Amino acid sequence: CTANGTPISVRNMQRAWKMILKHANV
């Protein structure tokens, strides 16, 4: 969930995923 307890949006998860892959150099 988000900091407010609401579900994470698909759009925000995709944004986070891009950052995760960049950090892992994948």
PDB file of all heavy atoms in Angstrom:
ATOM      1  N   CYS A   1       0.821  -1.211   0.000  1.00  0.00           N
ATOM      2  CA  CYS A   1       0.000   0.000   0.000  1.00  0.00           C
ATOM      3  C   CYS A   1       0.851   1.255   0.000  1.00  0.00           C
ATOM      4  O   CYS A   1       2.066   1.211   0.181  1.00  0.00           O
ATOM      5  CB  CYS A   1      -0.928   0.000   1.211  1.00  0.00           C
ATOM      6  SG  CYS A   1      -0.032   0.042   2.790  1.00  0.00           S
ATOM      7  N   THR A   2       0.189   2.389  -0.196  1.00  0.00           N
ATOM      8  CA  THR A   2       0.851   3.686  -0.116  1.00  0.00           C
ATOM      9  C   THR A   2       0.977   4.091   1.349  1.00  0.00           C
ATOM     10  O   THR A   2       0.483   3.401   2.247  1.00  0.00           O
ATOM     11  CB  THR A   2       0.033   4.754  -0.857  1.00  0.00           C
ATOM     12  OG1 THR A   2      -1.204   4.963  -0.153  1.00  0.00           O
ATOM     13  CG2 THR A   2      -0.271   4.323  -2.287  1.00  0.00           C
ATOM     14  N   ALA A   3       1.578   5.236   1.587  1.00  0.00           N
ATOM     15  CA  ALA A   3       1.731   5.750   2.956  1.00  0.00           C
ATOM     16  C   ALA A   3       0.386   6.069   3.588  1.00  0.00           C
ATOM     17  O   ALA A   3       0.268   6.146   4.815  1.00  0.00           O
ATOM     18  CB  ALA A   3       2.606   6.995   2.944  1.00  0.00           C
ATOM     19  N   ASN A   4      -0.646   6.238   2.761  1.00  0.00           N
ATOM     20  CA  ASN A   4      -1.992   6.521   3.259  1.00  0.00           C
ATOM     21  C   ASN A   4      -2.839   5.264   3.429  1.00  0.00           C
ATOM     22  O   ASN A   4      -3.998   5.347   3.824  1.00  0.00           O
ATOM     23  CB  ASN A   4      -2.711   7.491   2.319  1.00  0.00           C
ATOM     24  CG  ASN A   4      -2.035   8.846   2.251  1.00  0.00           C
ATOM     25  OD1 ASN A   4      -1.555   9.347   3.271  1.00  0.00           O
ATOM     26  ND2 ASN A   4      -1.990   9.436   1.066  1.00  0.00           N
ATOM     27  N   GLY A   5      -2.266   4.110   3.104  1.00  0.00           N
ATOM     28  CA  GLY A   5      -2.994   2.861   3.247  1.00  0.00           C
ATOM     29  C   GLY A   5      -3.799   2.465   2.032  1.00  0.00           C
ATOM     30  O   GLY A   5      -4.442   1.411   2.020  1.00  0.00           O
ATOM     31  N   THR A   6      -3.772   3.287   0.991  1.00  0.00           N
ATOM     32  CA  THR A   6      -4.512   2.974  -0.231  1.00  0.00           C
ATOM     33  C   THR A   6      -3.676   2.046  -1.115  1.00  0.00           C
ATOM     34  O   THR A   6      -2.449   1.973  -0.972  1.00  0.00           O
ATOM     35  CB  THR A   6      -4.832   4.260  -1.005  1.00  0.00           C
ATOM     36  OG1 THR A   6      -3.603   4.960  -1.275  1.00  0.00           O
ATOM     37  CG2 THR A   6      -5.760   5.161  -0.198  1.00  0.00           C
ATOM     38  N   PRO A   7      -4.313   1.330  -2.035  1.00  0.00           N
ATOM     39  CA  PRO A   7      -3.531   0.453  -2.910  1.00  0.00           C
ATOM     40  C   PRO A   7      -2.597   1.241  -3.817  1.00  0.00           C
ATOM     41  O   PRO A   7      -2.908   2.376  -4.212  1.00  0.00           O
ATOM     42  CB  PRO A   7      -4.611  -0.284  -3.727  1.00  0.00           C
ATOM     43  CG  PRO A   7      -5.819   0.578  -3.653  1.00  0.00           C
ATOM     44  CD  PRO A   7      -5.765   1.233  -2.316  1.00  0.00           C
ATOM     45  N   ILE A   8      -1.463   0.671  -4.124  1.00  0.00           N
ATOM     46  CA  ILE A   8      -0.517   1.301  -5.049  1.00  0.00           C
ATOM     47  C   ILE A   8      -1.103   1.238  -6.451  1.00  0.00           C
ATOM     48  O   ILE A   8      -1.606   0.198  -6.882  1.00  0.00           O
ATOM     49  CB  ILE A   8       0.837   0.572  -5.013  1.00  0.00           C
ATOM     50  CG1 ILE A   8       1.443   0.631  -3.603  1.00  0.00           C
ATOM     51  CG2 ILE A   8       1.813   1.169  -6.031  1.00  0.00           C
ATOM     52  CD1 ILE A   8       2.650  -0.280  -3.420  1.00  0.00           C
ATOM     53  N   SER A   9      -1.055   2.341  -7.173  1.00  0.00           N
ATOM     54  CA  SER A   9      -1.585   2.344  -8.536  1.00  0.00           C
ATOM     55  C   SER A   9      -0.635   1.608  -9.469  1.00  0.00           C
ATOM     56  O   SER A   9       0.571   1.529  -9.226  1.00  0.00           O
ATOM     57  CB  SER A   9      -1.796   3.774  -9.037  1.00  0.00           C
ATOM     58  OG  SER A   9      -0.556   4.400  -9.300  1.00  0.00           O
ATOM     59  N   VAL A  10      -1.199   1.064 -10.545  1.00  0.00           N
ATOM     60  CA  VAL A  10      -0.387   0.383 -11.548  1.00  0.00           C
ATOM     61  C   VAL A  10       0.626   1.352 -12.146  1.00  0.00           C
ATOM     62  O   VAL A  10       1.799   1.012 -12.347  1.00  0.00           O
ATOM     63  CB  VAL A  10      -1.280  -0.225 -12.647  1.00  0.00           C
ATOM     64  CG1 VAL A  10      -0.435  -0.764 -13.798  1.00  0.00           C
ATOM     65  CG2 VAL A  10      -2.161  -1.326 -12.067  1.00  0.00           C
ATOM     66  N   ARG A  11       0.189   2.579 -12.420  1.00  0.00           N
ATOM     67  CA  ARG A  11       1.083   3.577 -13.006  1.00  0.00           C
ATOM     68  C   ARG A  11       2.286   3.849 -12.096  1.00  0.00           C
ATOM     69  O   ARG A  11       3.430   3.885 -12.547  1.00  0.00           O
ATOM     70  CB  ARG A  11       0.327   4.882 -13.261  1.00  0.00           C
ATOM     71  CG  ARG A  11       1.162   5.945 -13.965  1.00  0.00           C
ATOM     72  CD  ARG A  11       0.437   7.277 -13.990  1.00  0.00           C
ATOM     73  NE  ARG A  11      -0.743   7.233 -14.821  1.00  0.00           N
ATOM     74  CZ  ARG A  11      -0.738   7.477 -16.130  1.00  0.00           C
ATOM     75  NH1 ARG A  11       0.405   7.764 -16.737  1.00  0.00           N
ATOM     76  NH2 ARG A  11      -1.849   7.438 -16.821  1.00  0.00           N
ATOM     77  N   ASN A  12       2.034   4.010 -10.803  1.00  0.00           N
ATOM     78  CA  ASN A  12       3.134   4.291  -9.873  1.00  0.00           C
ATOM     79  C   ASN A  12       4.059   3.096  -9.703  1.00  0.00           C
ATOM     80  O   ASN A  12       5.273   3.255  -9.519  1.00  0.00           O
ATOM     81  CB  ASN A  12       2.586   4.735  -8.518  1.00  0.00           C
ATOM     82  CG  ASN A  12       2.079   6.165  -8.541  1.00  0.00           C
ATOM     83  OD1 ASN A  12       2.426   6.937  -9.433  1.00  0.00           O
ATOM     84  ND2 ASN A  12       1.237   6.523  -7.583  1.00  0.00           N
ATOM     85  N   MET A  13       3.497   1.895  -9.760  1.00  0.00           N
ATOM     86  CA  MET A  13       4.338   0.705  -9.660  1.00  0.00           C
ATOM     87  C   MET A  13       5.239   0.598 -10.879  1.00  0.00           C
ATOM     88  O   MET A  13       6.409   0.225 -10.766  1.00  0.00           O
ATOM     89  CB  MET A  13       3.460  -0.550  -9.512  1.00  0.00           C
ATOM     90  CG  MET A  13       4.278  -1.819  -9.248  1.00  0.00           C
ATOM     91  SD  MET A  13       5.251  -1.719  -7.718  1.00  0.00           S
ATOM     92  CE  MET A  13       6.771  -2.494  -8.219  1.00  0.00           C
ATOM     93  N   GLN A  14       4.708   0.918 -12.044  1.00  0.00           N
ATOM     94  CA  GLN A  14       5.532   0.882 -13.250  1.00  0.00           C
ATOM     95  C   GLN A  14       6.657   1.907 -13.178  1.00  0.00           C
ATOM     96  O   GLN A  14       7.789   1.654 -13.609  1.00  0.00           O
ATOM     97  CB  GLN A  14       4.672   1.139 -14.500  1.00  0.00           C
ATOM     98  CG  GLN A  14       3.661   0.042 -14.805  1.00  0.00           C
ATOM     99  CD  GLN A  14       4.295  -1.218 -15.402  1.00  0.00           C
ATOM    100  OE1 GLN A  14       5.479  -1.493 -15.222  1.00  0.00           O
ATOM    101  NE2 GLN A  14       3.501  -2.001 -16.101  1.00  0.00           N
ATOM    102  N   ARG A  15       6.368   3.092 -12.616  1.00  0.00           N
ATOM    103  CA  ARG A  15       7.410   4.098 -12.451  1.00  0.00           C
ATOM    104  C   ARG A  15       8.503   3.598 -11.509  1.00  0.00           C
ATOM    105  O   ARG A  15       9.701   3.761 -11.764  1.00  0.00           O
ATOM    106  CB  ARG A  15       6.802   5.386 -11.890  1.00  0.00           C
ATOM    107  CG  ARG A  15       6.004   6.191 -12.900  1.00  0.00           C
ATOM    108  CD  ARG A  15       5.407   7.402 -12.221  1.00  0.00           C
ATOM    109  NE  ARG A  15       4.577   8.163 -13.132  1.00  0.00           N
ATOM    110  CZ  ARG A  15       3.516   8.870 -12.758  1.00  0.00           C
ATOM    111  NH1 ARG A  15       3.156   8.885 -11.485  1.00  0.00           N
ATOM    112  NH2 ARG A  15       2.815   9.556 -13.639  1.00  0.00           N
ATOM    113  N   ALA A  16       8.071   3.015 -10.386  1.00  0.00           N
ATOM    114  CA  ALA A  16       9.041   2.483  -9.428  1.00  0.00           C
ATOM    115  C   ALA A  16       9.868   1.370 -10.060  1.00  0.00           C
ATOM    116  O   ALA A  16      11.076   1.257  -9.821  1.00  0.00           O
ATOM    117  CB  ALA A  16       8.310   1.963  -8.185  1.00  0.00           C
ATOM    118  N   TRP A  17       9.230   0.553 -10.888  1.00  0.00           N
ATOM    119  CA  TRP A  17       9.907  -0.560 -11.538  1.00  0.00           C
ATOM    120  C   TRP A  17      11.034  -0.066 -12.448  1.00  0.00           C
ATOM    121  O   TRP A  17      12.117  -0.658 -12.500  1.00  0.00           O
ATOM    122  CB  TRP A  17       8.901  -1.391 -12.317  1.00  0.00           C
ATOM    123  CG  TRP A  17       9.452  -2.592 -13.007  1.00  0.00           C
ATOM    124  CD1 TRP A  17       9.455  -2.846 -14.341  1.00  0.00           C
ATOM    125  CD2 TRP A  17      10.086  -3.738 -12.393  1.00  0.00           C
ATOM    126  NE1 TRP A  17      10.044  -4.058 -14.604  1.00  0.00           N
ATOM    127  CE2 TRP A  17      10.439  -4.624 -13.428  1.00  0.00           C
ATOM    128  CE3 TRP A  17      10.371  -4.076 -11.070  1.00  0.00           C
ATOM    129  CZ2 TRP A  17      11.072  -5.834 -13.173  1.00  0.00           C
ATOM    130  CZ3 TRP A  17      11.007  -5.284 -10.821  1.00  0.00           C
ATOM    131  CH2 TRP A  17      11.354  -6.149 -11.865  1.00  0.00           C
ATOM    132  N   LYS A  18      10.794   1.021 -13.153  1.00  0.00           N
ATOM    133  CA  LYS A  18      11.839   1.585 -14.007  1.00  0.00           C
ATOM    134  C   LYS A  18      13.047   1.995 -13.171  1.00  0.00           C
ATOM    135  O   LYS A  18      14.196   1.765 -13.557  1.00  0.00           O
ATOM    136  CB  LYS A  18      11.301   2.787 -14.778  1.00  0.00           C
ATOM    137  CG  LYS A  18      10.370   2.429 -15.928  1.00  0.00           C
ATOM    138  CD  LYS A  18       9.975   3.663 -16.723  1.00  0.00           C
ATOM    139  CE  LYS A  18       9.091   3.282 -17.900  1.00  0.00           C
ATOM    140  NZ  LYS A  18       8.704   4.472 -18.708  1.00  0.00           N
ATOM    141  N   MET A  19      12.786   2.612 -12.021  1.00  0.00           N
ATOM    142  CA  MET A  19      13.884   3.023 -11.140  1.00  0.00           C
ATOM    143  C   MET A  19      14.621   1.824 -10.579  1.00  0.00           C
ATOM    144  O   MET A  19      15.850   1.826 -10.452  1.00  0.00           O
ATOM    145  CB  MET A  19      13.345   3.888 -10.004  1.00  0.00           C
ATOM    146  CG  MET A  19      12.862   5.261 -10.427  1.00  0.00           C
ATOM    147  SD  MET A  19      12.495   6.338  -9.025  1.00  0.00           S
ATOM    148  CE  MET A  19      11.093   5.477  -8.292  1.00  0.00           C
ATOM    149  N   ILE A  20      13.878   0.775 -10.248  1.00  0.00           N
ATOM    150  CA  ILE A  20      14.476  -0.446  -9.699  1.00  0.00           C
ATOM    151  C   ILE A  20      15.424  -1.081 -10.719  1.00  0.00           C
ATOM    152  O   ILE A  20      16.559  -1.454 -10.391  1.00  0.00           O
ATOM    153  CB  ILE A  20      13.375  -1.448  -9.278  1.00  0.00           C
ATOM    154  CG1 ILE A  20      12.644  -0.933  -8.034  1.00  0.00           C
ATOM    155  CG2 ILE A  20      13.957  -2.835  -9.031  1.00  0.00           C
ATOM    156  CD1 ILE A  20      11.348  -1.667  -7.732  1.00  0.00           C
ATOM    157  N   LEU A  21      14.977  -1.190 -11.967  1.00  0.00           N
ATOM    158  CA  LEU A  21      15.814  -1.799 -13.002  1.00  0.00           C
ATOM    159  C   LEU A  21      17.051  -0.945 -13.286  1.00  0.00           C
ATOM    160  O   LEU A  21      18.141  -1.479 -13.505  1.00  0.00           O
ATOM    161  CB  LEU A  21      15.005  -2.002 -14.280  1.00  0.00           C
ATOM    162  CG  LEU A  21      13.892  -3.048 -14.223  1.00  0.00           C
ATOM    163  CD1 LEU A  21      13.259  -3.219 -15.601  1.00  0.00           C
ATOM    164  CD2 LEU A  21      14.399  -4.391 -13.713  1.00  0.00           C
ATOM    165  N   LYS A  22      16.883   0.355 -13.272  1.00  0.00           N
ATOM    166  CA  LYS A  22      18.027   1.237 -13.495  1.00  0.00           C
ATOM    167  C   LYS A  22      19.040   1.067 -12.368  1.00  0.00           C
ATOM    168  O   LYS A  22      20.247   1.007 -12.617  1.00  0.00           O
ATOM    169  CB  LYS A  22      17.551   2.689 -13.572  1.00  0.00           C
ATOM    170  CG  LYS A  22      18.663   3.678 -13.891  1.00  0.00           C
ATOM    171  CD  LYS A  22      18.123   5.097 -14.025  1.00  0.00           C
ATOM    172  CE  LYS A  22      19.247   6.067 -14.357  1.00  0.00           C
ATOM    173  NZ  LYS A  22      18.729   7.462 -14.502  1.00  0.00           N
ATOM    174  N   HIS A  23      18.557   0.967 -11.145  1.00  0.00           N
ATOM    175  CA  HIS A  23      19.437   0.791  -9.989  1.00  0.00           C
ATOM    176  C   HIS A  23      20.181  -0.542 -10.064  1.00  0.00           C
ATOM    177  O   HIS A  23      21.352  -0.628  -9.684  1.00  0.00           O
ATOM    178  CB  HIS A  23      18.608   0.848  -8.705  1.00  0.00           C
ATOM    179  CG  HIS A  23      19.399   0.627  -7.459  1.00  0.00           C
ATOM    180  ND1 HIS A  23      20.344   1.517  -6.998  1.00  0.00           N
ATOM    181  CD2 HIS A  23      19.400  -0.418  -6.569  1.00  0.00           C
ATOM    182  CE1 HIS A  23      20.881   1.051  -5.888  1.00  0.00           C
ATOM    183  NE2 HIS A  23      20.342  -0.110  -5.601  1.00  0.00           N
ATOM    184  N   ALA A  24      19.490  -1.583 -10.554  1.00  0.00           N
ATOM    185  CA  ALA A  24      20.107  -2.915 -10.659  1.00  0.00           C
ATOM    186  C   ALA A  24      20.922  -3.082 -11.932  1.00  0.00           C
ATOM    187  O   ALA A  24      21.562  -4.118 -12.126  1.00  0.00           O
ATOM    188  CB  ALA A  24      19.014  -3.989 -10.586  1.00  0.00           C
ATOM    189  N   ASN A  25      20.880  -2.059 -12.814  1.00  0.00           N
ATOM    190  CA  ASN A  25      21.579  -2.111 -14.099  1.00  0.00           C
ATOM    191  C   ASN A  25      21.103  -3.302 -14.942  1.00  0.00           C
ATOM    192  O   ASN A  25      21.899  -4.023 -15.541  1.00  0.00           O
ATOM    193  CB  ASN A  25      23.101  -2.174 -13.897  1.00  0.00           C
ATOM    194  CG  ASN A  25      23.865  -1.818 -15.163  1.00  0.00           C
ATOM    195  OD1 ASN A  25      23.367  -1.078 -16.013  1.00  0.00           O
ATOM    196  ND2 ASN A  25      25.071  -2.349 -15.303  1.00  0.00           N
ATOM    197  N   VAL A  26      19.787  -3.481 -14.963  1.00  0.00           N
ATOM    198  CA  VAL A  26      19.158  -4.535 -15.753  1.00  0.00           C
ATOM    199  C   VAL A  26      18.328  -3.866 -16.852  1.00  0.00           C
ATOM    200  O   VAL A  26      17.602  -2.903 -16.579  1.00  0.00           O
ATOM    201  CB  VAL A  26      18.248  -5.422 -14.878  1.00  0.00           C
ATOM    202  CG1 VAL A  26      17.450  -6.400 -15.744  1.00  0.00           C
ATOM    203  CG2 VAL A  26      19.086  -6.181 -13.854  1.00  0.00           C
TER     204      VAL A  26
END
